[in-house]
Amino acid sequence: MVGDYNLPNLRLPEQTEVTLGRWSQMRRTYLKEHHKILYYNLLTKGILNSHLAEVQQRASELEETLVKQMAEKAGLTEQMKAEDMMKWVRLMNNIRNSAQEIVKNQVIFA
């Protein structure tokens, strides 16, 4: 009872604590801003954290795989790293940025 009104005593189900990484934070923000119904459904069912943990794992694995494949395709080797460090860093940054864009499109915003 609050004054003359009966208000329901609602509580969310217990969720496991998950350390949110970069990808899971992006996914949570995306769901909150663009897919509010899905976000609140996951939240009220108590599976939001497990969903975010799964997204974090999938995105990290995909990014790592893509960076390795793209680096091999571009011919980035340890020898190149030793000979011309700045060129190697520049190319690796380009590859990493490309891989992150792919992860965003395939995992985070899907």
PDB file of N, CA and C in Angstrom:
ATOM      1  N   MET A   1       0.826  -1.186   0.000  1.00  0.00           N
ATOM      2  CA  MET A   1       0.000   0.000   0.000  1.00  0.00           C
ATOM      3  C   MET A   1       0.874   1.255   0.000  1.00  0.00           C
ATOM      4  N   VAL A   2       0.632   2.126  -0.912  1.00  0.00           N
ATOM      5  CA  VAL A   2       1.262   3.431  -0.946  1.00  0.00           C
ATOM      6  C   VAL A   2       0.126   4.435  -0.985  1.00  0.00           C
ATOM      7  N   GLY A   3      -0.136   5.035   0.140  1.00  0.00           N
ATOM      8  CA  GLY A   3      -1.288   5.925   0.227  1.00  0.00           C
ATOM      9  C   GLY A   3      -2.554   5.106   0.053  1.00  0.00           C
ATOM     10  N   ASP A   4      -3.353   5.457  -0.933  1.00  0.00           N
ATOM     11  CA  ASP A   4      -4.593   4.741  -1.215  1.00  0.00           C
ATOM     12  C   ASP A   4      -4.438   3.718  -2.339  1.00  0.00           C
ATOM     13  N   TYR A   5      -3.208   3.505  -2.811  1.00  0.00           N
ATOM     14  CA  TYR A   5      -2.983   2.649  -3.968  1.00  0.00           C
ATOM     15  C   TYR A   5      -2.218   1.391  -3.591  1.00  0.00           C
ATOM     16  N   ASN A   6      -2.588   0.284  -4.221  1.00  0.00           N
ATOM     17  CA  ASN A   6      -1.804  -0.946  -4.117  1.00  0.00           C
ATOM     18  C   ASN A   6      -0.856  -0.999  -5.305  1.00  0.00           C
ATOM     19  N   LEU A   7       0.427  -0.965  -5.046  1.00  0.00           N
ATOM     20  CA  LEU A   7       1.422  -1.047  -6.109  1.00  0.00           C
ATOM     21  C   LEU A   7       2.051  -2.423  -6.089  1.00  0.00           C
ATOM     22  N   PRO A   8       2.278  -3.017  -7.266  1.00  0.00           N
ATOM     23  CA  PRO A   8       2.902  -4.348  -7.292  1.00  0.00           C
ATOM     24  C   PRO A   8       4.355  -4.280  -6.845  1.00  0.00           C
ATOM     25  N   ASN A   9       4.817  -5.334  -6.217  1.00  0.00           N
ATOM     26  CA  ASN A   9       6.207  -5.430  -5.767  1.00  0.00           C
ATOM     27  C   ASN A   9       6.959  -6.289  -6.779  1.00  0.00           C
ATOM     28  N   LEU A  10       7.427  -5.662  -7.846  1.00  0.00           N
ATOM     29  CA  LEU A  10       8.086  -6.383  -8.929  1.00  0.00           C
ATOM     30  C   LEU A  10       9.588  -6.415  -8.709  1.00  0.00           C
ATOM     31  N   ARG A  11      10.187  -7.572  -8.976  1.00  0.00           N
ATOM     32  CA  ARG A  11      11.633  -7.726  -8.887  1.00  0.00           C
ATOM     33  C   ARG A  11      12.112  -8.499 -10.108  1.00  0.00           C
ATOM     34  N   LEU A  12      13.272  -8.110 -10.592  1.00  0.00           N
ATOM     35  CA  LEU A  12      13.878  -8.833 -11.709  1.00  0.00           C
ATOM     36  C   LEU A  12      14.483 -10.132 -11.205  1.00  0.00           C
ATOM     37  N   PRO A  13      14.480 -11.185 -12.035  1.00  0.00           N
ATOM     38  CA  PRO A  13      15.135 -12.421 -11.621  1.00  0.00           C
ATOM     39  C   PRO A  13      16.643 -12.203 -11.433  1.00  0.00           C
ATOM     40  N   GLU A  14      17.242 -13.016 -10.590  1.00  0.00           N
ATOM     41  CA  GLU A  14      18.677 -12.925 -10.344  1.00  0.00           C
ATOM     42  C   GLU A  14      19.437 -13.283 -11.617  1.00  0.00           C
ATOM     43  N   GLN A  15      20.463 -12.512 -11.914  1.00  0.00           N
ATOM     44  CA  GLN A  15      21.301 -12.768 -13.079  1.00  0.00           C
ATOM     45  C   GLN A  15      22.734 -12.949 -12.612  1.00  0.00           C
ATOM     46  N   THR A  16      23.449 -13.773 -13.339  1.00  0.00           N
ATOM     47  CA  THR A  16      24.854 -13.967 -13.003  1.00  0.00           C
ATOM     48  C   THR A  16      25.630 -12.703 -13.341  1.00  0.00           C
ATOM     49  N   GLU A  17      26.645 -12.418 -12.549  1.00  0.00           N
ATOM     50  CA  GLU A  17      27.488 -11.254 -12.796  1.00  0.00           C
ATOM     51  C   GLU A  17      28.420 -11.547 -13.965  1.00  0.00           C
ATOM     52  N   VAL A  18      28.443 -10.652 -14.911  1.00  0.00           N
ATOM     53  CA  VAL A  18      29.282 -10.804 -16.094  1.00  0.00           C
ATOM     54  C   VAL A  18      30.070  -9.514 -16.274  1.00  0.00           C
ATOM     55  N   THR A  19      31.359  -9.653 -16.504  1.00  0.00           N
ATOM     56  CA  THR A  19      32.169  -8.484 -16.816  1.00  0.00           C
ATOM     57  C   THR A  19      31.934  -8.147 -18.279  1.00  0.00           C
ATOM     58  N   LEU A  20      31.405  -6.980 -18.512  1.00  0.00           N
ATOM     59  CA  LEU A  20      31.075  -6.589 -19.879  1.00  0.00           C
ATOM     60  C   LEU A  20      32.301  -6.023 -20.570  1.00  0.00           C
ATOM     61  N   GLY A  21      32.620  -6.594 -21.706  1.00  0.00           N
ATOM     62  CA  GLY A  21      33.713  -6.099 -22.515  1.00  0.00           C
ATOM     63  C   GLY A  21      33.203  -5.077 -23.517  1.00  0.00           C
ATOM     64  N   ARG A  22      34.077  -4.713 -24.397  1.00  0.00           N
ATOM     65  CA  ARG A  22      33.756  -3.695 -25.398  1.00  0.00           C
ATOM     66  C   ARG A  22      32.560  -4.097 -26.255  1.00  0.00           C
ATOM     67  N   TRP A  23      32.584  -5.326 -26.739  1.00  0.00           N
ATOM     68  CA  TRP A  23      31.542  -5.787 -27.651  1.00  0.00           C
ATOM     69  C   TRP A  23      30.191  -5.927 -26.946  1.00  0.00           C
ATOM     70  N   SER A  24      30.192  -6.445 -25.739  1.00  0.00           N
ATOM     71  CA  SER A  24      28.921  -6.613 -25.035  1.00  0.00           C
ATOM     72  C   SER A  24      28.325  -5.258 -24.641  1.00  0.00           C
ATOM     73  N   GLN A  25      29.159  -4.296 -24.333  1.00  0.00           N
ATOM     74  CA  GLN A  25      28.643  -2.958 -24.038  1.00  0.00           C
ATOM     75  C   GLN A  25      28.034  -2.323 -25.283  1.00  0.00           C
ATOM     76  N   MET A  26      28.675  -2.533 -26.429  1.00  0.00           N
ATOM     77  CA  MET A  26      28.123  -2.013 -27.690  1.00  0.00           C
ATOM     78  C   MET A  26      26.773  -2.653 -27.982  1.00  0.00           C
ATOM     79  N   ARG A  27      26.685  -3.971 -27.766  1.00  0.00           N
ATOM     80  CA  ARG A  27      25.444  -4.697 -28.037  1.00  0.00           C
ATOM     81  C   ARG A  27      24.332  -4.205 -27.102  1.00  0.00           C
ATOM     82  N   ARG A  28      24.641  -4.031 -25.809  1.00  0.00           N
ATOM     83  CA  ARG A  28      23.637  -3.559 -24.862  1.00  0.00           C
ATOM     84  C   ARG A  28      23.130  -2.171 -25.262  1.00  0.00           C
ATOM     85  N   THR A  29      24.039  -1.278 -25.627  1.00  0.00           N
ATOM     86  CA  THR A  29      23.646   0.065 -26.046  1.00  0.00           C
ATOM     87  C   THR A  29      22.794   0.006 -27.306  1.00  0.00           C
ATOM     88  N   TYR A  30      23.184  -0.840 -28.249  1.00  0.00           N
ATOM     89  CA  TYR A  30      22.422  -0.987 -29.496  1.00  0.00           C
ATOM     90  C   TYR A  30      21.014  -1.490 -29.205  1.00  0.00           C
ATOM     91  N   LEU A  31      20.906  -2.512 -28.357  1.00  0.00           N
ATOM     92  CA  LEU A  31      19.581  -3.038 -28.027  1.00  0.00           C
ATOM     93  C   LEU A  31      18.736  -1.992 -27.305  1.00  0.00           C
ATOM     94  N   LYS A  32      19.332  -1.279 -26.385  1.00  0.00           N
ATOM     95  CA  LYS A  32      18.610  -0.257 -25.631  1.00  0.00           C
ATOM     96  C   LYS A  32      18.076   0.847 -26.531  1.00  0.00           C
ATOM     97  N   GLU A  33      18.855   1.245 -27.521  1.00  0.00           N
ATOM     98  CA  GLU A  33      18.473   2.374 -28.362  1.00  0.00           C
ATOM     99  C   GLU A  33      17.614   1.989 -29.562  1.00  0.00           C
ATOM    100  N   HIS A  34      17.828   0.786 -30.110  1.00  0.00           N
ATOM    101  CA  HIS A  34      17.164   0.433 -31.371  1.00  0.00           C
ATOM    102  C   HIS A  34      16.196  -0.737 -31.274  1.00  0.00           C
ATOM    103  N   HIS A  35      16.328  -1.577 -30.264  1.00  0.00           N
ATOM    104  CA  HIS A  35      15.451  -2.745 -30.110  1.00  0.00           C
ATOM    105  C   HIS A  35      15.008  -2.844 -28.649  1.00  0.00           C
ATOM    106  N   LYS A  36      14.228  -1.858 -28.230  1.00  0.00           N
ATOM    107  CA  LYS A  36      13.851  -1.760 -26.822  1.00  0.00           C
ATOM    108  C   LYS A  36      13.043  -2.964 -26.348  1.00  0.00           C
ATOM    109  N   ILE A  37      12.167  -3.485 -27.191  1.00  0.00           N
ATOM    110  CA  ILE A  37      11.342  -4.622 -26.788  1.00  0.00           C
ATOM    111  C   ILE A  37      12.209  -5.840 -26.523  1.00  0.00           C
ATOM    112  N   LEU A  38      13.137  -6.144 -27.424  1.00  0.00           N
ATOM    113  CA  LEU A  38      14.039  -7.272 -27.225  1.00  0.00           C
ATOM    114  C   LEU A  38      14.890  -7.064 -25.983  1.00  0.00           C
ATOM    115  N   TYR A  39      15.383  -5.854 -25.779  1.00  0.00           N
ATOM    116  CA  TYR A  39      16.198  -5.548 -24.603  1.00  0.00           C
ATOM    117  C   TYR A  39      15.418  -5.823 -23.319  1.00  0.00           C
ATOM    118  N   TYR A  40      14.204  -5.305 -23.235  1.00  0.00           N
ATOM    119  CA  TYR A  40      13.422  -5.482 -22.013  1.00  0.00           C
ATOM    120  C   TYR A  40      12.943  -6.921 -21.840  1.00  0.00           C
ATOM    121  N   ASN A  41      12.701  -7.629 -22.934  1.00  0.00           N
ATOM    122  CA  ASN A  41      12.359  -9.052 -22.827  1.00  0.00           C
ATOM    123  C   ASN A  41      13.527  -9.845 -22.244  1.00  0.00           C
ATOM    124  N   LEU A  42      14.728  -9.605 -22.754  1.00  0.00           N
ATOM    125  CA  LEU A  42      15.914 -10.291 -22.222  1.00  0.00           C
ATOM    126  C   LEU A  42      16.146  -9.913 -20.765  1.00  0.00           C
ATOM    127  N   LEU A  43      15.945  -8.659 -20.440  1.00  0.00           N
ATOM    128  CA  LEU A  43      16.161  -8.178 -19.076  1.00  0.00           C
ATOM    129  C   LEU A  43      15.175  -8.807 -18.101  1.00  0.00           C
ATOM    130  N   THR A  44      13.902  -8.824 -18.465  1.00  0.00           N
ATOM    131  CA  THR A  44      12.896  -9.348 -17.541  1.00  0.00           C
ATOM    132  C   THR A  44      12.938 -10.871 -17.429  1.00  0.00           C
ATOM    133  N   LYS A  45      13.423 -11.550 -18.457  1.00  0.00           N
ATOM    134  CA  LYS A  45      13.585 -13.003 -18.360  1.00  0.00           C
ATOM    135  C   LYS A  45      14.834 -13.393 -17.586  1.00  0.00           C
ATOM    136  N   GLY A  46      15.718 -12.430 -17.364  1.00  0.00           N
ATOM    137  CA  GLY A  46      16.936 -12.699 -16.616  1.00  0.00           C
ATOM    138  C   GLY A  46      18.042 -13.296 -17.447  1.00  0.00           C
ATOM    139  N   ILE A  47      17.970 -13.134 -18.763  1.00  0.00           N
ATOM    140  CA  ILE A  47      18.996 -13.724 -19.635  1.00  0.00           C
ATOM    141  C   ILE A  47      19.801 -12.674 -20.397  1.00  0.00           C
ATOM    142  N   LEU A  48      19.652 -11.416 -20.017  1.00  0.00           N
ATOM    143  CA  LEU A  48      20.394 -10.358 -20.709  1.00  0.00           C
ATOM    144  C   LEU A  48      21.895 -10.549 -20.539  1.00  0.00           C
ATOM    145  N   ASN A  49      22.352 -10.804 -19.333  1.00  0.00           N
ATOM    146  CA  ASN A  49      23.791 -10.958 -19.094  1.00  0.00           C
ATOM    147  C   ASN A  49      24.365 -12.153 -19.836  1.00  0.00           C
ATOM    148  N   SER A  50      23.644 -13.263 -19.878  1.00  0.00           N
ATOM    149  CA  SER A  50      24.154 -14.422 -20.614  1.00  0.00           C
ATOM    150  C   SER A  50      24.184 -14.132 -22.111  1.00  0.00           C
ATOM    151  N   HIS A  51      23.190 -13.400 -22.602  1.00  0.00           N
ATOM    152  CA  HIS A  51      23.185 -13.000 -24.014  1.00  0.00           C
ATOM    153  C   HIS A  51      24.389 -12.117 -24.325  1.00  0.00           C
ATOM    154  N   LEU A  52      24.655 -11.152 -23.445  1.00  0.00           N
ATOM    155  CA  LEU A  52      25.782 -10.242 -23.655  1.00  0.00           C
ATOM    156  C   LEU A  52      27.116 -10.986 -23.566  1.00  0.00           C
ATOM    157  N   ALA A  53      27.214 -11.964 -22.669  1.00  0.00           N
ATOM    158  CA  ALA A  53      28.444 -12.756 -22.562  1.00  0.00           C
ATOM    159  C   ALA A  53      28.670 -13.567 -23.827  1.00  0.00           C
ATOM    160  N   GLU A  54      27.603 -14.123 -24.383  1.00  0.00           N
ATOM    161  CA  GLU A  54      27.715 -14.889 -25.629  1.00  0.00           C
ATOM    162  C   GLU A  54      28.145 -13.987 -26.787  1.00  0.00           C
ATOM    163  N   VAL A  55      27.567 -12.802 -26.860  1.00  0.00           N
ATOM    164  CA  VAL A  55      27.929 -11.841 -27.913  1.00  0.00           C
ATOM    165  C   VAL A  55      29.401 -11.460 -27.779  1.00  0.00           C
ATOM    166  N   GLN A  56      29.840 -11.203 -26.548  1.00  0.00           N
ATOM    167  CA  GLN A  56      31.241 -10.840 -26.299  1.00  0.00           C
ATOM    168  C   GLN A  56      32.173 -11.941 -26.796  1.00  0.00           C
ATOM    169  N   GLN A  57      31.846 -13.186 -26.483  1.00  0.00           N
ATOM    170  CA  GLN A  57      32.699 -14.306 -26.882  1.00  0.00           C
ATOM    171  C   GLN A  57      32.718 -14.480 -28.400  1.00  0.00           C
ATOM    172  N   ARG A  58      31.536 -14.455 -29.017  1.00  0.00           N
ATOM    173  CA  ARG A  58      31.468 -14.614 -30.471  1.00  0.00           C
ATOM    174  C   ARG A  58      32.210 -13.500 -31.190  1.00  0.00           C
ATOM    175  N   ALA A  59      32.019 -12.268 -30.746  1.00  0.00           N
ATOM    176  CA  ALA A  59      32.658 -11.125 -31.406  1.00  0.00           C
ATOM    177  C   ALA A  59      34.169 -11.171 -31.241  1.00  0.00           C
ATOM    178  N   SER A  60      34.647 -11.519 -30.059  1.00  0.00           N
ATOM    179  CA  SER A  60      36.099 -11.594 -29.834  1.00  0.00           C
ATOM    180  C   SER A  60      36.733 -12.671 -30.694  1.00  0.00           C
ATOM    181  N   GLU A  61      36.089 -13.830 -30.752  1.00  0.00           N
ATOM    182  CA  GLU A  61      36.630 -14.921 -31.568  1.00  0.00           C
ATOM    183  C   GLU A  61      36.634 -14.555 -33.045  1.00  0.00           C
ATOM    184  N   LEU A  62      35.556 -13.942 -33.516  1.00  0.00           N
ATOM    185  CA  LEU A  62      35.481 -13.553 -34.920  1.00  0.00           C
ATOM    186  C   LEU A  62      36.539 -12.514 -35.248  1.00  0.00           C
ATOM    187  N   GLU A  63      36.712 -11.535 -34.374  1.00  0.00           N
ATOM    188  CA  GLU A  63      37.725 -10.497 -34.618  1.00  0.00           C
ATOM    189  C   GLU A  63      39.122 -11.113 -34.692  1.00  0.00           C
ATOM    190  N   GLU A  64      39.425 -11.988 -33.756  1.00  0.00           N
ATOM    191  CA  GLU A  64      40.746 -12.624 -33.744  1.00  0.00           C
ATOM    192  C   GLU A  64      40.986 -13.444 -35.013  1.00  0.00           C
ATOM    193  N   THR A  65      39.987 -14.193 -35.412  1.00  0.00           N
ATOM    194  CA  THR A  65      40.106 -15.015 -36.622  1.00  0.00           C
ATOM    195  C   THR A  65      40.299 -14.148 -37.857  1.00  0.00           C
ATOM    196  N   LEU A  66      39.495 -13.098 -37.966  1.00  0.00           N
ATOM    197  CA  LEU A  66      39.595 -12.214 -39.130  1.00  0.00           C
ATOM    198  C   LEU A  66      40.947 -11.519 -39.203  1.00  0.00           C
ATOM    199  N   VAL A  67      41.452 -11.056 -38.075  1.00  0.00           N
ATOM    200  CA  VAL A  67      42.751 -10.370 -38.072  1.00  0.00           C
ATOM    201  C   VAL A  67      43.843 -11.330 -38.531  1.00  0.00           C
ATOM    202  N   LYS A  68      43.821 -12.566 -38.040  1.00  0.00           N
ATOM    203  CA  LYS A  68      44.835 -13.544 -38.459  1.00  0.00           C
ATOM    204  C   LYS A  68      44.758 -13.821 -39.955  1.00  0.00           C
ATOM    205  N   GLN A  69      43.536 -14.049 -40.447  1.00  0.00           N
ATOM    206  CA  GLN A  69      43.369 -14.355 -41.866  1.00  0.00           C
ATOM    207  C   GLN A  69      43.781 -13.184 -42.754  1.00  0.00           C
ATOM    208  N   MET A  70      43.373 -11.986 -42.380  1.00  0.00           N
ATOM    209  CA  MET A  70      43.692 -10.822 -43.194  1.00  0.00           C
ATOM    210  C   MET A  70      45.188 -10.497 -43.148  1.00  0.00           C
ATOM    211  N   ALA A  71      45.827 -10.729 -42.010  1.00  0.00           N
ATOM    212  CA  ALA A  71      47.265 -10.481 -41.894  1.00  0.00           C
ATOM    213  C   ALA A  71      48.038 -11.465 -42.765  1.00  0.00           C
ATOM    214  N   GLU A  72      47.611 -12.726 -42.781  1.00  0.00           N
ATOM    215  CA  GLU A  72      48.271 -13.717 -43.642  1.00  0.00           C
ATOM    216  C   GLU A  72      48.089 -13.350 -45.106  1.00  0.00           C
ATOM    217  N   LYS A  73      46.891 -12.938 -45.463  1.00  0.00           N
ATOM    218  CA  LYS A  73      46.601 -12.582 -46.846  1.00  0.00           C
ATOM    219  C   LYS A  73      47.414 -11.363 -47.290  1.00  0.00           C
ATOM    220  N   ALA A  74      47.626 -10.417 -46.379  1.00  0.00           N
ATOM    221  CA  ALA A  74      48.386  -9.207 -46.707  1.00  0.00           C
ATOM    222  C   ALA A  74      49.890  -9.433 -46.631  1.00  0.00           C
ATOM    223  N   GLY A  75      50.305 -10.588 -46.138  1.00  0.00           N
ATOM    224  CA  GLY A  75      51.720 -10.907 -46.082  1.00  0.00           C
ATOM    225  C   GLY A  75      52.456 -10.276 -44.916  1.00  0.00           C
ATOM    226  N   LEU A  76      51.757 -10.016 -43.832  1.00  0.00           N
ATOM    227  CA  LEU A  76      52.397  -9.451 -42.639  1.00  0.00           C
ATOM    228  C   LEU A  76      53.074 -10.571 -41.860  1.00  0.00           C
ATOM    229  N   THR A  77      54.366 -10.454 -41.710  1.00  0.00           N
ATOM    230  CA  THR A  77      55.135 -11.481 -41.020  1.00  0.00           C
ATOM    231  C   THR A  77      55.978 -10.846 -39.923  1.00  0.00           C
ATOM    232  N   GLU A  78      56.556 -11.698 -39.098  1.00  0.00           N
ATOM    233  CA  GLU A  78      57.453 -11.219 -38.051  1.00  0.00           C
ATOM    234  C   GLU A  78      58.708 -10.584 -38.664  1.00  0.00           C
ATOM    235  N   GLN A  79      59.117 -11.093 -39.812  1.00  0.00           N
ATOM    236  CA  GLN A  79      60.283 -10.519 -40.496  1.00  0.00           C
ATOM    237  C   GLN A  79      59.976  -9.084 -40.928  1.00  0.00           C
ATOM    238  N   MET A  80      58.798  -8.875 -41.477  1.00  0.00           N
ATOM    239  CA  MET A  80      58.405  -7.526 -41.880  1.00  0.00           C
ATOM    240  C   MET A  80      58.331  -6.611 -40.653  1.00  0.00           C
ATOM    241  N   LYS A  81      57.845  -7.152 -39.551  1.00  0.00           N
ATOM    242  CA  LYS A  81      57.759  -6.389 -38.306  1.00  0.00           C
ATOM    243  C   LYS A  81      59.149  -5.949 -37.844  1.00  0.00           C
ATOM    244  N   ALA A  82      60.109  -6.836 -37.986  1.00  0.00           N
ATOM    245  CA  ALA A  82      61.475  -6.513 -37.561  1.00  0.00           C
ATOM    246  C   ALA A  82      62.133  -5.504 -38.500  1.00  0.00           C
ATOM    247  N   GLU A  83      61.851  -5.604 -39.800  1.00  0.00           N
ATOM    248  CA  GLU A  83      62.495  -4.745 -40.784  1.00  0.00           C
ATOM    249  C   GLU A  83      61.899  -3.334 -40.826  1.00  0.00           C
ATOM    250  N   ASP A  84      60.589  -3.242 -40.851  1.00  0.00           N
ATOM    251  CA  ASP A  84      59.923  -1.935 -40.972  1.00  0.00           C
ATOM    252  C   ASP A  84      58.725  -1.893 -40.030  1.00  0.00           C
ATOM    253  N   MET A  85      58.990  -1.550 -38.785  1.00  0.00           N
ATOM    254  CA  MET A  85      57.981  -1.583 -37.732  1.00  0.00           C
ATOM    255  C   MET A  85      56.806  -0.655 -38.025  1.00  0.00           C
ATOM    256  N   MET A  86      57.076   0.540 -38.496  1.00  0.00           N
ATOM    257  CA  MET A  86      56.001   1.511 -38.731  1.00  0.00           C
ATOM    258  C   MET A  86      55.047   1.047 -39.832  1.00  0.00           C
ATOM    259  N   LYS A  87      55.580   0.479 -40.880  1.00  0.00           N
ATOM    260  CA  LYS A  87      54.731  -0.041 -41.945  1.00  0.00           C
ATOM    261  C   LYS A  87      53.882  -1.187 -41.427  1.00  0.00           C
ATOM    262  N   TRP A  88      54.489  -2.062 -40.640  1.00  0.00           N
ATOM    263  CA  TRP A  88      53.769  -3.202 -40.073  1.00  0.00           C
ATOM    264  C   TRP A  88      52.637  -2.723 -39.167  1.00  0.00           C
ATOM    265  N   VAL A  89      52.913  -1.746 -38.315  1.00  0.00           N
ATOM    266  CA  VAL A  89      51.892  -1.215 -37.404  1.00  0.00           C
ATOM    267  C   VAL A  89      50.759  -0.570 -38.192  1.00  0.00           C
ATOM    268  N   ARG A  90      51.094   0.193 -39.211  1.00  0.00           N
ATOM    269  CA  ARG A  90      50.089   0.851 -40.036  1.00  0.00           C
ATOM    270  C   ARG A  90      49.175  -0.175 -40.700  1.00  0.00           C
ATOM    271  N   LEU A  91      49.771  -1.211 -41.273  1.00  0.00           N
ATOM    272  CA  LEU A  91      48.970  -2.236 -41.932  1.00  0.00           C
ATOM    273  C   LEU A  91      48.132  -3.033 -40.929  1.00  0.00           C
ATOM    274  N   MET A  92      48.699  -3.341 -39.767  1.00  0.00           N
ATOM    275  CA  MET A  92      47.944  -4.082 -38.749  1.00  0.00           C
ATOM    276  C   MET A  92      46.775  -3.249 -38.223  1.00  0.00           C
ATOM    277  N   ASN A  93      46.972  -1.953 -38.049  1.00  0.00           N
ATOM    278  CA  ASN A  93      45.875  -1.097 -37.607  1.00  0.00           C
ATOM    279  C   ASN A  93      44.748  -1.062 -38.632  1.00  0.00           C
ATOM    280  N   ASN A  94      45.110  -1.002 -39.916  1.00  0.00           N
ATOM    281  CA  ASN A  94      44.102  -1.039 -40.976  1.00  0.00           C
ATOM    282  C   ASN A  94      43.343  -2.354 -40.953  1.00  0.00           C
ATOM    283  N   ILE A  95      44.061  -3.447 -40.794  1.00  0.00           N
ATOM    284  CA  ILE A  95      43.426  -4.761 -40.752  1.00  0.00           C
ATOM    285  C   ILE A  95      42.514  -4.876 -39.534  1.00  0.00           C
ATOM    286  N   ARG A  96      42.991  -4.438 -38.387  1.00  0.00           N
ATOM    287  CA  ARG A  96      42.193  -4.513 -37.157  1.00  0.00           C
ATOM    288  C   ARG A  96      40.914  -3.676 -37.283  1.00  0.00           C
ATOM    289  N   ASN A  97      41.028  -2.491 -37.856  1.00  0.00           N
ATOM    290  CA  ASN A  97      39.840  -1.644 -38.052  1.00  0.00           C
ATOM    291  C   ASN A  97      38.847  -2.292 -39.005  1.00  0.00           C
ATOM    292  N   SER A  98      39.345  -2.898 -40.061  1.00  0.00           N
ATOM    293  CA  SER A  98      38.459  -3.591 -41.008  1.00  0.00           C
ATOM    294  C   SER A  98      37.755  -4.763 -40.331  1.00  0.00           C
ATOM    295  N   ALA A  99      38.499  -5.522 -39.555  1.00  0.00           N
ATOM    296  CA  ALA A  99      37.923  -6.670 -38.849  1.00  0.00           C
ATOM    297  C   ALA A  99      36.865  -6.207 -37.847  1.00  0.00           C
ATOM    298  N   GLN A 100      37.106  -5.102 -37.161  1.00  0.00           N
ATOM    299  CA  GLN A 100      36.146  -4.602 -36.185  1.00  0.00           C
ATOM    300  C   GLN A 100      34.858  -4.129 -36.855  1.00  0.00           C
ATOM    301  N   GLU A 101      34.965  -3.548 -38.030  1.00  0.00           N
ATOM    302  CA  GLU A 101      33.772  -3.140 -38.763  1.00  0.00           C
ATOM    303  C   GLU A 101      32.946  -4.351 -39.173  1.00  0.00           C
ATOM    304  N   ILE A 102      33.611  -5.410 -39.600  1.00  0.00           N
ATOM    305  CA  ILE A 102      32.918  -6.640 -39.974  1.00  0.00           C
ATOM    306  C   ILE A 102      32.215  -7.235 -38.750  1.00  0.00           C
ATOM    307  N   VAL A 103      32.896  -7.252 -37.615  1.00  0.00           N
ATOM    308  CA  VAL A 103      32.287  -7.787 -36.387  1.00  0.00           C
ATOM    309  C   VAL A 103      31.066  -6.963 -36.003  1.00  0.00           C
ATOM    310  N   LYS A 104      31.169  -5.655 -36.093  1.00  0.00           N
ATOM    311  CA  LYS A 104      30.022  -4.810 -35.763  1.00  0.00           C
ATOM    312  C   LYS A 104      28.814  -5.158 -36.625  1.00  0.00           C
ATOM    313  N   ASN A 105      29.040  -5.317 -37.922  1.00  0.00           N
ATOM    314  CA  ASN A 105      27.940  -5.598 -38.836  1.00  0.00           C
ATOM    315  C   ASN A 105      27.364  -7.003 -38.674  1.00  0.00           C
ATOM    316  N   GLN A 106      28.213  -7.986 -38.393  1.00  0.00           N
ATOM    317  CA  GLN A 106      27.754  -9.374 -38.343  1.00  0.00           C
ATOM    318  C   GLN A 106      27.278  -9.822 -36.974  1.00  0.00           C
ATOM    319  N   VAL A 107      27.811  -9.244 -35.904  1.00  0.00           N
ATOM    320  CA  VAL A 107      27.471  -9.722 -34.559  1.00  0.00           C
ATOM    321  C   VAL A 107      26.719  -8.671 -33.753  1.00  0.00           C
ATOM    322  N   ILE A 108      27.226  -7.469 -33.679  1.00  0.00           N
ATOM    323  CA  ILE A 108      26.658  -6.466 -32.799  1.00  0.00           C
ATOM    324  C   ILE A 108      25.338  -5.916 -33.333  1.00  0.00           C
ATOM    325  N   PHE A 109      25.309  -5.543 -34.591  1.00  0.00           N
ATOM    326  CA  PHE A 109      24.116  -4.916 -35.155  1.00  0.00           C
ATOM    327  C   PHE A 109      23.227  -5.894 -35.906  1.00  0.00           C
ATOM    328  N   ALA A 110      23.415  -7.169 -35.692  1.00  0.00           N
ATOM    329  CA  ALA A 110      22.585  -8.184 -36.380  1.00  0.00           C
ATOM    330  C   ALA A 110      21.377  -8.537 -35.560  1.00  0.00           C
TER     331      ALA A 110
END
